[in-house]
Amino acid sequence: MTPGARVVATIVAGCALAACGASSRVIRGPDGTNWYEVECRHTADCLEEAARICPRGYEVGTSGSTLRGVYSTGYAAVPVTQHEMFLRCAPRRAEAPESTGGLVPYRPTTDPGF
């Protein structure tokens, strides 16, 4: 196998093992409202999915990362990490409460580094 073909095969295998892209599902939040669980392999994918489901912005409840395993490229061992965020969409202006309890809808401008 040529070096270029090996790189392509490694990327394809990595995506197959790590589920490239992001997925989300609606969950019931602790306050009884709809929240979203967003899972992804790359932080940018989570942020894109959050922006897609909450175009007016969102508030992150929690976020984190978990090491799911390691795969070998033939040259090095590469960690397979799963990121997840729990968030709720910012309310429409008419739905916004008088006081948000200090919480401000979050719209990422840079990679939060999780």
Protein backbone atom coordinates (compact mmCIF):
# COMPACT_ATOMS: atom_id res chain seq x y z
CA MET A 1 0.00 0.00 0.00
CA THR A 2 1.35 3.44 -0.89
CA PRO A 3 1.80 6.05 1.87
CA GLY A 4 -1.03 8.17 0.42
CA ALA A 5 -3.40 5.20 0.29
CA ARG A 6 -2.47 4.33 3.87
CA VAL A 7 -3.39 7.84 5.05
CA VAL A 8 -6.77 7.67 3.28
CA ALA A 9 -7.44 4.20 4.70
CA THR A 10 -6.53 5.45 8.18
CA ILE A 11 -8.93 8.40 7.93
CA VAL A 12 -11.76 6.19 6.66
CA ALA A 13 -11.13 3.62 9.41
CA GLY A 14 -10.95 6.34 12.04
CA CYS A 15 -14.27 7.81 10.94
CA ALA A 16 -15.88 4.38 10.93
CA LEU A 17 -14.62 3.68 14.45
CA ALA A 18 -15.33 7.12 15.84
CA ALA A 19 -18.59 8.06 14.10
CA CYS A 20 -17.58 11.29 12.38
CA GLY A 21 -20.01 14.19 12.60
CA ALA A 22 -22.40 14.86 15.44
CA SER A 23 -25.72 13.54 16.64
CA SER A 24 -28.29 15.05 18.95
CA ARG A 25 -31.42 13.99 20.74
CA VAL A 26 -34.04 15.77 22.82
CA ILE A 27 -34.05 14.99 26.54
CA ARG A 28 -36.11 16.28 29.46
CA GLY A 29 -34.00 18.78 31.42
CA PRO A 30 -33.87 19.13 35.20
CA ASP A 31 -36.27 22.08 34.96
CA GLY A 32 -38.81 20.09 32.92
CA THR A 33 -38.00 21.84 29.61
CA ASN A 34 -36.52 20.31 26.47
CA TRP A 35 -32.73 20.11 26.45
CA TYR A 36 -30.46 18.49 23.87
CA GLU A 37 -27.71 15.94 24.24
CA VAL A 38 -25.13 16.49 21.49
CA GLU A 39 -22.42 13.87 20.89
CA CYS A 40 -19.47 14.15 18.50
CA ARG A 41 -15.89 13.11 17.85
CA HIS A 42 -14.58 16.64 17.19
CA THR A 43 -15.49 19.72 19.22
CA ALA A 44 -16.24 21.72 16.07
CA ASP A 45 -18.86 19.13 15.05
CA CYS A 46 -20.62 19.54 18.42
CA LEU A 47 -20.61 23.31 18.06
CA GLU A 48 -21.98 23.12 14.50
CA GLU A 49 -24.76 20.76 15.62
CA ALA A 50 -25.63 23.04 18.55
CA ALA A 51 -25.83 26.06 16.22
CA ARG A 52 -27.98 24.06 13.79
CA ILE A 53 -30.56 23.01 16.40
CA CYS A 54 -30.47 26.36 18.26
CA PRO A 55 -30.00 29.13 15.67
CA ARG A 56 -30.85 31.88 18.24
CA GLY A 57 -28.11 30.66 20.59
CA TYR A 58 -28.01 28.25 23.49
CA GLU A 59 -27.00 27.70 27.08
CA VAL A 60 -24.62 24.85 27.92
CA GLY A 61 -25.58 22.92 31.04
CA THR A 62 -22.59 20.58 31.04
CA SER A 63 -19.99 19.33 28.60
CA GLY A 64 -17.17 16.83 28.68
CA SER A 65 -15.06 14.25 26.91
CA THR A 66 -14.52 10.51 27.30
CA LEU A 67 -11.72 8.37 25.91
CA ARG A 68 -13.47 5.56 24.01
CA GLY A 69 -10.42 3.65 22.84
CA VAL A 70 -7.32 3.77 20.70
CA TYR A 71 -6.71 2.68 17.12
CA SER A 72 -3.44 2.23 15.30
CA THR A 73 -2.59 4.02 12.08
CA GLY A 74 0.39 1.81 11.46
CA TYR A 75 2.59 4.73 12.51
CA ALA A 76 1.06 5.77 15.80
CA ALA A 77 -1.73 5.04 18.27
CA VAL A 78 -4.55 7.59 17.97
CA PRO A 79 -7.05 8.15 20.79
CA VAL A 80 -10.76 7.95 19.96
CA THR A 81 -12.50 10.60 22.04
CA GLN A 82 -16.24 11.19 22.39
CA HIS A 83 -17.39 14.70 23.31
CA GLU A 84 -20.83 15.53 24.61
CA MET A 85 -22.74 18.66 25.49
CA PHE A 86 -26.06 19.12 27.25
CA LEU A 87 -27.69 22.36 26.19
CA ARG A 88 -30.97 24.18 25.83
CA CYS A 89 -31.90 26.65 23.16
CA ALA A 90 -32.25 30.33 24.00
CA PRO A 91 -35.93 31.27 24.34
CA ARG A 92 -37.65 33.51 21.85
CA ARG A 93 -37.74 37.11 23.00
CA ALA A 94 -41.39 36.86 24.08
CA GLU A 95 -40.62 33.70 26.10
CA ALA A 96 -37.61 35.11 27.93
CA PRO A 97 -38.19 35.35 31.68
CA GLU A 98 -37.67 38.63 33.57
CA SER A 99 -34.66 37.16 35.34
CA THR A 100 -32.48 34.43 33.90
CA GLY A 101 -30.83 33.72 37.24
CA GLY A 102 -27.51 34.94 35.92
CA LEU A 103 -27.54 32.53 32.97
CA VAL A 104 -26.86 34.00 29.55
CA PRO A 105 -27.51 32.11 26.30
CA TYR A 106 -24.16 30.93 25.00
CA ARG A 107 -23.06 31.35 21.40
CA PRO A 108 -19.53 30.06 20.84
CA THR A 109 -17.02 32.33 19.20
CA THR A 110 -13.98 30.12 19.75
CA ASP A 111 -13.28 26.49 20.50
CA PRO A 112 -14.00 25.93 24.24
CA GLY A 113 -11.26 23.29 24.34
CA PHE A 114 -13.16 20.31 25.69
